[in-house]
Amino acid sequence: MTVEMYIHPMNNYSFLHIYEKDIVPKLQEIDLFLKTEIENLNICTISKLLYISEEEIVSIMSKECINDINIITFFTIMRNGSSTICSLFRRELQRSTKKEYTCEDISYIYDIDLRKVREALHLSKLQNITSKNIKILFSHIPVSMMH
């Protein structure tokens, strides 16, 4: 089964579009930065990577008793940040102890209506949801795109 951009009637797109154009690039940017520029980890770079203000980072650092920024404290800041990518990361951490996801997991992690996830699972004919086939599921979840 291949994954293609699934366009629904009335010019609506699938969640796959959001996943590939918004979520994945942000996660890849974070991953690349942490692999190649860890020495440049500071409040300013974290702010840009996580789409949260420098003030929010300082507040999280104070609340979490963080004195130094390193890879471990970066993830603490990410887990506590308010941006969409931080929220997704936090919800994923709360649910990712399994090799397979339930519809409820996907609904919670990606903030998608549970009925849409269940319908997408039915339409996709997937037997289970894993990180390897999640794009197929996403291709069956309609979303409206604002122009």
Protein backbone atom coordinates (compact mmCIF):
# COMPACT_ATOMS: atom_id res chain seq x y z
CA MET A 1 0.00 0.00 0.00
CA THR A 2 1.54 3.32 -0.99
CA VAL A 3 0.98 6.69 0.60
CA GLU A 4 -0.11 9.52 -1.61
CA MET A 5 -1.41 12.96 -0.83
CA TYR A 6 -5.03 12.22 -0.16
CA ILE A 7 -7.26 15.08 -1.24
CA HIS A 8 -10.83 14.89 -0.09
CA PRO A 9 -13.85 16.34 -1.89
CA MET A 10 -14.34 20.09 -1.62
CA ASN A 11 -10.58 20.75 -1.69
CA ASN A 12 -9.92 19.45 1.81
CA TYR A 13 -6.64 17.75 2.54
CA SER A 14 -5.67 14.87 4.74
CA PHE A 15 -3.79 15.09 8.00
CA LEU A 16 -0.87 13.60 6.08
CA HIS A 17 -0.37 17.04 4.52
CA ILE A 18 -0.07 18.67 7.95
CA TYR A 19 2.17 15.87 9.20
CA GLU A 20 4.57 16.06 6.25
CA LYS A 21 4.59 19.84 5.78
CA ASP A 22 4.49 21.01 9.38
CA ILE A 23 5.30 18.36 11.97
CA VAL A 24 8.03 16.29 10.29
CA PRO A 25 10.16 19.27 9.18
CA LYS A 26 10.13 20.71 12.71
CA LEU A 27 11.14 17.37 14.21
CA GLN A 28 13.86 16.93 11.60
CA GLU A 29 15.20 20.42 12.30
CA ILE A 30 15.40 19.63 16.02
CA ASP A 31 17.03 16.25 15.34
CA LEU A 32 19.62 17.72 12.98
CA PHE A 33 20.44 20.55 15.35
CA LEU A 34 20.95 18.17 18.28
CA LYS A 35 23.18 15.93 16.16
CA THR A 36 25.32 18.66 14.64
CA GLU A 37 25.19 21.83 16.72
CA ILE A 38 24.72 20.75 20.32
CA GLU A 39 27.46 23.17 21.41
CA ASN A 40 25.24 26.05 20.22
CA LEU A 41 22.38 25.06 22.51
CA ASN A 42 21.22 28.18 24.33
CA ILE A 43 18.01 30.02 25.17
CA CYS A 44 17.90 31.80 21.81
CA THR A 45 18.36 28.64 19.72
CA ILE A 46 15.89 26.69 21.85
CA SER A 47 13.36 29.47 21.38
CA LYS A 48 13.69 29.23 17.61
CA LEU A 49 13.69 25.42 17.51
CA LEU A 50 10.69 24.97 19.78
CA TYR A 51 8.67 28.03 18.75
CA ILE A 52 8.42 29.34 22.30
CA SER A 53 9.57 32.65 23.72
CA GLU A 54 12.83 33.14 25.54
CA GLU A 55 10.78 34.29 28.54
CA GLU A 56 8.90 30.99 28.55
CA ILE A 57 12.20 29.09 28.48
CA VAL A 58 13.54 31.10 31.43
CA SER A 59 10.29 30.41 33.30
CA ILE A 60 10.53 26.65 32.60
CA MET A 61 14.18 26.64 33.65
CA SER A 62 13.27 28.33 36.93
CA LYS A 63 10.31 26.03 37.59
CA GLU A 64 12.35 22.90 36.76
CA CYS A 65 15.50 24.14 38.60
CA ILE A 66 17.57 24.06 35.40
CA ASN A 67 20.87 25.92 35.68
CA ASP A 68 22.65 24.67 32.57
CA ILE A 69 21.35 23.94 29.10
CA ASN A 70 22.38 20.58 27.71
CA ILE A 71 20.72 17.80 25.76
CA ILE A 72 18.91 16.45 28.82
CA THR A 73 17.60 19.83 29.95
CA PHE A 74 16.66 20.63 26.34
CA PHE A 75 14.17 17.75 26.44
CA THR A 76 12.89 18.91 29.83
CA ILE A 77 12.25 22.34 28.32
CA MET A 78 10.62 20.74 25.27
CA ARG A 79 8.40 18.56 27.47
CA ASN A 80 7.20 21.66 29.33
CA GLY A 81 6.91 24.10 26.40
CA SER A 82 3.59 25.47 25.18
CA SER A 83 4.08 25.31 21.40
CA THR A 84 2.36 22.78 19.18
CA ILE A 85 5.55 20.80 18.65
CA CYS A 86 6.25 20.73 22.41
CA SER A 87 2.70 19.60 23.15
CA LEU A 88 2.95 16.85 20.55
CA PHE A 89 6.28 15.71 22.06
CA ARG A 90 4.81 15.67 25.58
CA ARG A 91 1.73 13.67 24.52
CA GLU A 92 3.93 11.25 22.54
CA LEU A 93 6.08 10.65 25.61
CA GLN A 94 2.96 9.90 27.62
CA ARG A 95 1.75 7.30 25.10
CA SER A 96 4.81 5.87 23.35
CA THR A 97 5.51 2.86 25.49
CA LYS A 98 3.94 0.61 22.89
CA LYS A 99 5.00 -0.70 19.50
CA GLU A 100 1.45 -0.23 18.25
CA TYR A 101 -0.82 2.74 18.72
CA THR A 102 -4.53 2.67 19.44
CA CYS A 103 -6.95 5.09 17.84
CA GLU A 104 -7.14 6.78 21.22
CA ASP A 105 -3.35 7.21 21.26
CA ILE A 106 -3.34 8.85 17.81
CA SER A 107 -6.27 11.07 18.72
CA TYR A 108 -4.53 12.23 21.89
CA ILE A 109 -1.00 12.65 20.53
CA TYR A 110 -1.96 14.52 17.37
CA ASP A 111 -5.08 16.23 18.76
CA ILE A 112 -7.38 14.69 16.14
CA ASP A 113 -11.05 13.87 16.73
CA LEU A 114 -11.28 10.22 17.78
CA ARG A 115 -14.14 9.55 15.35
CA LYS A 116 -11.97 10.70 12.45
CA VAL A 117 -9.14 8.40 13.55
CA ARG A 118 -11.47 5.42 13.87
CA GLU A 119 -13.00 6.11 10.47
CA ALA A 120 -9.54 6.47 8.93
CA LEU A 121 -8.47 3.15 10.41
CA HIS A 122 -11.53 1.51 8.87
CA LEU A 123 -10.99 3.19 5.47
CA SER A 124 -7.28 2.37 5.41
CA LYS A 125 -7.92 -1.31 6.15
CA LEU A 126 -4.90 -1.31 8.46
CA GLN A 127 -4.84 -4.10 11.02
CA ASN A 128 -2.77 -2.04 13.45
CA ILE A 129 -1.17 1.38 13.69
CA THR A 130 2.62 1.58 13.92
CA SER A 131 5.25 4.20 13.18
CA LYS A 132 5.82 2.39 9.87
CA ASN A 133 2.24 2.73 8.60
CA ILE A 134 1.00 5.85 10.38
CA LYS A 135 1.21 7.90 7.17
CA ILE A 136 -1.34 5.59 5.56
CA LEU A 137 -3.70 6.27 8.45
CA PHE A 138 -3.05 10.01 8.22
CA SER A 139 -3.85 9.98 4.52
CA HIS A 140 -7.43 8.99 5.41
CA ILE A 141 -8.06 11.73 7.97
CA PRO A 142 -9.67 14.74 6.28
CA VAL A 143 -8.79 18.27 7.36
CA SER A 144 -9.79 21.62 5.98
CA MET A 145 -6.95 23.81 4.75
CA MET A 146 -7.32 27.56 5.07
CA HIS A 147 -6.28 29.51 2.00
